[in-house]
Amino acid sequence: MAPADITIREAAPGESAIILHHRRSMFRDMGEGTVEQLDRMVEVATPWLARALADGSYHHWLALDSSGRVAGGGGVLLCPWPANPKDPCTERAVILNVYTEPEFRKLGIARQIMRTILAWVKERGLRAVNLHASEEGRHLYEKLGFEATNEMRLRFGPP
């Protein structure tokens, strides 16, 4: 269970640096990308994130301890999407950037962040949400009811 002194609040557009720190740290911790690739990712993502936070296509929540220190965070990207027979919604939600700082792990903070995001997505009337799970996060997501899907991917060579 998360400590009682952790609060979750929506991130402000001016807090993109912490979101990008978490995104970079998430990939680093998974062993994805060189230092140079991670630096380039942050450079390219910075203007996108500022626009997405400002226009509401991306929402992010931060978990803070009693001193105001950021313990973790997570967000959701809203994308236009055509309705299908089982889901009449024309918007899709994708959870991104779920990250807990190492010193705050195993306290239930990621679960608290995820519950906040899932409640927000449900309030919007969306009927599903997707995410890509790291090996470390998979157990949490399964406990929250996520199931593996038949998604496939084709990667093209480097740009």
C-alpha atoms as a PDB file:
ATOM      1  CA  MET A   1       0.000   0.000   0.000  1.00  0.00           C
ATOM      2  CA  ALA A   2       1.233   3.498  -0.813  1.00  0.00           C
ATOM      3  CA  PRO A   3       2.174   5.687   2.121  1.00  0.00           C
ATOM      4  CA  ALA A   4      -0.555   8.061   3.241  1.00  0.00           C
ATOM      5  CA  ASP A   5       1.669  11.060   2.604  1.00  0.00           C
ATOM      6  CA  ILE A   6       1.760  10.451  -1.179  1.00  0.00           C
ATOM      7  CA  THR A   7      -0.571  12.672  -3.153  1.00  0.00           C
ATOM      8  CA  ILE A   8      -1.417  12.377  -6.836  1.00  0.00           C
ATOM      9  CA  ARG A   9      -2.117  15.470  -8.903  1.00  0.00           C
ATOM     10  CA  GLU A  10      -2.270  16.292 -12.580  1.00  0.00           C
ATOM     11  CA  ALA A  11       0.954  17.731 -13.988  1.00  0.00           C
ATOM     12  CA  ALA A  12       1.021  21.295 -15.265  1.00  0.00           C
ATOM     13  CA  PRO A  13       2.336  22.103 -18.758  1.00  0.00           C
ATOM     14  CA  GLY A  14       5.421  23.672 -17.172  1.00  0.00           C
ATOM     15  CA  GLU A  15       6.399  20.342 -15.610  1.00  0.00           C
ATOM     16  CA  SER A  16       7.386  18.633 -18.845  1.00  0.00           C
ATOM     17  CA  ALA A  17      11.022  18.292 -17.709  1.00  0.00           C
ATOM     18  CA  ILE A  18      10.071  15.849 -14.939  1.00  0.00           C
ATOM     19  CA  ILE A  19       7.859  13.862 -17.331  1.00  0.00           C
ATOM     20  CA  LEU A  20      10.727  13.596 -19.811  1.00  0.00           C
ATOM     21  CA  HIS A  21      13.113  12.666 -16.981  1.00  0.00           C
ATOM     22  CA  HIS A  22      10.786   9.792 -16.114  1.00  0.00           C
ATOM     23  CA  ARG A  23      10.452   8.725 -19.772  1.00  0.00           C
ATOM     24  CA  ARG A  24      14.222   8.725 -20.198  1.00  0.00           C
ATOM     25  CA  SER A  25      14.747   6.882 -16.911  1.00  0.00           C
ATOM     26  CA  MET A  26      12.117   4.297 -17.833  1.00  0.00           C
ATOM     27  CA  PHE A  27      13.908   3.410 -21.082  1.00  0.00           C
ATOM     28  CA  ARG A  28      17.322   3.510 -19.386  1.00  0.00           C
ATOM     29  CA  ASP A  29      16.123   1.128 -16.661  1.00  0.00           C
ATOM     30  CA  MET A  30      14.811  -1.282 -19.321  1.00  0.00           C
ATOM     31  CA  GLY A  31      18.194  -1.184 -21.084  1.00  0.00           C
ATOM     32  CA  GLU A  32      16.677   0.476 -24.158  1.00  0.00           C
ATOM     33  CA  GLY A  33      18.884   2.922 -26.040  1.00  0.00           C
ATOM     34  CA  THR A  34      22.312   4.440 -25.698  1.00  0.00           C
ATOM     35  CA  VAL A  35      22.916   7.687 -23.830  1.00  0.00           C
ATOM     36  CA  GLU A  36      22.972   9.479 -27.183  1.00  0.00           C
ATOM     37  CA  GLN A  37      19.693   7.860 -28.302  1.00  0.00           C
ATOM     38  CA  LEU A  38      18.010   8.755 -25.011  1.00  0.00           C
ATOM     39  CA  ASP A  39      19.266  12.341 -25.260  1.00  0.00           C
ATOM     40  CA  ARG A  40      17.906  12.578 -28.820  1.00  0.00           C
ATOM     41  CA  MET A  41      14.574  11.106 -27.706  1.00  0.00           C
ATOM     42  CA  VAL A  42      14.207  13.820 -25.053  1.00  0.00           C
ATOM     43  CA  GLU A  43      15.235  16.527 -27.525  1.00  0.00           C
ATOM     44  CA  VAL A  44      12.649  15.398 -30.089  1.00  0.00           C
ATOM     45  CA  ALA A  45       9.921  14.760 -27.492  1.00  0.00           C
ATOM     46  CA  THR A  46      10.263  18.132 -25.725  1.00  0.00           C
ATOM     47  CA  PRO A  47       8.269  20.283 -28.196  1.00  0.00           C
ATOM     48  CA  TRP A  48       5.769  17.468 -28.790  1.00  0.00           C
ATOM     49  CA  LEU A  49       5.096  17.115 -25.060  1.00  0.00           C
ATOM     50  CA  ALA A  50       4.654  20.867 -24.588  1.00  0.00           C
ATOM     51  CA  ARG A  51       2.044  20.919 -27.378  1.00  0.00           C
ATOM     52  CA  ALA A  52       0.299  17.764 -26.167  1.00  0.00           C
ATOM     53  CA  LEU A  53       0.015  19.002 -22.568  1.00  0.00           C
ATOM     54  CA  ALA A  54      -1.262  22.373 -23.792  1.00  0.00           C
ATOM     55  CA  ASP A  55      -3.859  20.981 -26.223  1.00  0.00           C
ATOM     56  CA  GLY A  56      -5.051  18.220 -23.861  1.00  0.00           C
ATOM     57  CA  SER A  57      -4.090  15.289 -26.061  1.00  0.00           C
ATOM     58  CA  TYR A  58      -1.746  14.124 -23.285  1.00  0.00           C
ATOM     59  CA  HIS A  59      -2.461  14.201 -19.551  1.00  0.00           C
ATOM     60  CA  HIS A  60       0.054  13.275 -16.883  1.00  0.00           C
ATOM     61  CA  TRP A  61      -0.190  12.713 -13.152  1.00  0.00           C
ATOM     62  CA  LEU A  62       2.587  13.079 -10.611  1.00  0.00           C
ATOM     63  CA  ALA A  63       2.923  11.354  -7.240  1.00  0.00           C
ATOM     64  CA  LEU A  64       4.472  13.623  -4.622  1.00  0.00           C
ATOM     65  CA  ASP A  65       5.686  12.884  -1.116  1.00  0.00           C
ATOM     66  CA  SER A  66       4.896  15.146   1.845  1.00  0.00           C
ATOM     67  CA  SER A  67       7.871  17.396   1.050  1.00  0.00           C
ATOM     68  CA  GLY A  68       6.705  17.895  -2.540  1.00  0.00           C
ATOM     69  CA  ARG A  69       9.353  15.630  -4.048  1.00  0.00           C
ATOM     70  CA  VAL A  70       8.163  13.760  -7.142  1.00  0.00           C
ATOM     71  CA  ALA A  71       8.098  10.022  -6.452  1.00  0.00           C
ATOM     72  CA  GLY A  72       6.687   8.928  -9.806  1.00  0.00           C
ATOM     73  CA  GLY A  73       4.202   9.610 -12.517  1.00  0.00           C
ATOM     74  CA  GLY A  74       2.253   8.314 -15.454  1.00  0.00           C
ATOM     75  CA  GLY A  75       0.206   9.655 -18.311  1.00  0.00           C
ATOM     76  CA  VAL A  76      -2.334   8.961 -20.993  1.00  0.00           C
ATOM     77  CA  LEU A  77      -2.279   9.912 -24.657  1.00  0.00           C
ATOM     78  CA  LEU A  78      -5.644  10.461 -26.333  1.00  0.00           C
ATOM     79  CA  CYS A  79      -5.759   9.629 -30.026  1.00  0.00           C
ATOM     80  CA  PRO A  80      -8.553   9.930 -32.583  1.00  0.00           C
ATOM     81  CA  TRP A  81      -9.619   6.407 -33.535  1.00  0.00           C
ATOM     82  CA  PRO A  82     -12.441   4.965 -35.623  1.00  0.00           C
ATOM     83  CA  ALA A  83     -15.216   3.177 -33.766  1.00  0.00           C
ATOM     84  CA  ASN A  84     -15.475  -0.596 -34.123  1.00  0.00           C
ATOM     85  CA  PRO A  85     -18.324  -3.087 -33.521  1.00  0.00           C
ATOM     86  CA  LYS A  86     -17.352  -3.644 -29.877  1.00  0.00           C
ATOM     87  CA  ASP A  87     -16.383  -0.053 -29.083  1.00  0.00           C
ATOM     88  CA  PRO A  88     -18.333   2.943 -30.409  1.00  0.00           C
ATOM     89  CA  CYS A  89     -15.773   5.452 -29.093  1.00  0.00           C
ATOM     90  CA  THR A  90     -13.850   7.600 -31.575  1.00  0.00           C
ATOM     91  CA  GLU A  91     -10.983   8.177 -29.202  1.00  0.00           C
ATOM     92  CA  ARG A  92      -8.374   5.759 -27.901  1.00  0.00           C
ATOM     93  CA  ALA A  93      -6.386   6.060 -24.694  1.00  0.00           C
ATOM     94  CA  VAL A  94      -2.810   4.810 -24.427  1.00  0.00           C
ATOM     95  CA  ILE A  95      -1.036   4.853 -21.075  1.00  0.00           C
ATOM     96  CA  LEU A  96       2.581   6.029 -21.268  1.00  0.00           C
ATOM     97  CA  ASN A  97       5.495   6.983 -19.076  1.00  0.00           C
ATOM     98  CA  VAL A  98       4.543   5.140 -15.886  1.00  0.00           C
ATOM     99  CA  TYR A  99       7.630   5.450 -13.731  1.00  0.00           C
ATOM    100  CA  THR A 100       8.500   5.357 -10.032  1.00  0.00           C
ATOM    101  CA  GLU A 101      11.784   6.757  -8.751  1.00  0.00           C
ATOM    102  CA  PRO A 102      13.949   3.889  -7.412  1.00  0.00           C
ATOM    103  CA  GLU A 103      13.825   5.000  -3.761  1.00  0.00           C
ATOM    104  CA  PHE A 104       9.995   4.956  -3.851  1.00  0.00           C
ATOM    105  CA  ARG A 105       9.505   1.539  -5.473  1.00  0.00           C
ATOM    106  CA  LYS A 106       7.556  -1.321  -3.887  1.00  0.00           C
ATOM    107  CA  LEU A 107       5.319   1.101  -1.961  1.00  0.00           C
ATOM    108  CA  GLY A 108       2.262   0.882  -4.235  1.00  0.00           C
ATOM    109  CA  ILE A 109       2.843   4.259  -5.854  1.00  0.00           C
ATOM    110  CA  ALA A 110       2.612   2.966  -9.438  1.00  0.00           C
ATOM    111  CA  ARG A 111      -0.667   1.239  -8.510  1.00  0.00           C
ATOM    112  CA  GLN A 112      -1.994   4.511  -7.085  1.00  0.00           C
ATOM    113  CA  ILE A 113      -0.980   6.368 -10.262  1.00  0.00           C
ATOM    114  CA  MET A 114      -2.566   3.702 -12.456  1.00  0.00           C
ATOM    115  CA  ARG A 115      -5.834   3.768 -10.502  1.00  0.00           C
ATOM    116  CA  THR A 116      -5.945   7.545 -10.914  1.00  0.00           C
ATOM    117  CA  ILE A 117      -5.367   7.271 -14.668  1.00  0.00           C
ATOM    118  CA  LEU A 118      -7.908   4.465 -15.087  1.00  0.00           C
ATOM    119  CA  ALA A 119     -10.579   6.409 -13.184  1.00  0.00           C
ATOM    120  CA  TRP A 120      -9.932   9.455 -15.390  1.00  0.00           C
ATOM    121  CA  VAL A 121     -10.174   7.365 -18.576  1.00  0.00           C
ATOM    122  CA  LYS A 122     -13.458   5.800 -17.394  1.00  0.00           C
ATOM    123  CA  GLU A 123     -14.868   9.253 -16.542  1.00  0.00           C
ATOM    124  CA  ARG A 124     -14.247  10.274 -20.180  1.00  0.00           C
ATOM    125  CA  GLY A 125     -16.528   7.427 -21.233  1.00  0.00           C
ATOM    126  CA  LEU A 126     -13.805   5.394 -22.907  1.00  0.00           C
ATOM    127  CA  ARG A 127     -14.336   1.658 -22.881  1.00  0.00           C
ATOM    128  CA  ALA A 128     -10.723   0.500 -23.143  1.00  0.00           C
ATOM    129  CA  VAL A 129      -7.162   1.596 -22.605  1.00  0.00           C
ATOM    130  CA  ASN A 130      -3.899   0.201 -23.964  1.00  0.00           C
ATOM    131  CA  LEU A 131      -0.305   0.193 -22.766  1.00  0.00           C
ATOM    132  CA  HIS A 132       3.001  -1.486 -23.463  1.00  0.00           C
ATOM    133  CA  ALA A 133       4.269  -3.271 -20.361  1.00  0.00           C
ATOM    134  CA  SER A 134       7.852  -3.641 -19.256  1.00  0.00           C
ATOM    135  CA  GLU A 135       8.715  -6.958 -17.655  1.00  0.00           C
ATOM    136  CA  GLU A 136       8.868  -5.191 -14.285  1.00  0.00           C
ATOM    137  CA  GLY A 137       5.437  -3.588 -14.728  1.00  0.00           C
ATOM    138  CA  ARG A 138       3.574  -6.533 -16.261  1.00  0.00           C
ATOM    139  CA  HIS A 139       2.542  -8.043 -12.905  1.00  0.00           C
ATOM    140  CA  LEU A 140       0.944  -4.781 -11.748  1.00  0.00           C
ATOM    141  CA  TYR A 141      -0.959  -4.340 -15.000  1.00  0.00           C
ATOM    142  CA  GLU A 142      -2.247  -7.910 -14.920  1.00  0.00           C
ATOM    143  CA  LYS A 143      -3.446  -7.405 -11.330  1.00  0.00           C
ATOM    144  CA  LEU A 144      -5.333  -4.321 -12.539  1.00  0.00           C
ATOM    145  CA  GLY A 145      -7.093  -6.444 -15.178  1.00  0.00           C
ATOM    146  CA  PHE A 146      -4.983  -5.826 -18.296  1.00  0.00           C
ATOM    147  CA  GLU A 147      -4.726  -8.730 -20.727  1.00  0.00           C
ATOM    148  CA  ALA A 148      -2.260  -9.446 -23.510  1.00  0.00           C
ATOM    149  CA  THR A 149      -3.613  -8.701 -27.011  1.00  0.00           C
ATOM    150  CA  ASN A 150      -2.808  -9.717 -30.552  1.00  0.00           C
ATOM    151  CA  GLU A 151      -0.970  -6.498 -31.374  1.00  0.00           C
ATOM    152  CA  MET A 152       1.804  -6.879 -33.912  1.00  0.00           C
ATOM    153  CA  ARG A 153       4.591  -4.527 -34.972  1.00  0.00           C
ATOM    154  CA  LEU A 154       6.768  -4.071 -38.037  1.00  0.00           C
ATOM    155  CA  ARG A 155       9.892  -1.977 -37.571  1.00  0.00           C
ATOM    156  CA  PHE A 156      11.615  -0.247 -40.441  1.00  0.00           C
ATOM    157  CA  GLY A 157      15.359   0.436 -40.361  1.00  0.00           C
ATOM    158  CA  PRO A 158      16.901   3.405 -38.585  1.00  0.00           C
ATOM    159  CA  PRO A 159      15.930   6.829 -39.909  1.00  0.00           C
END
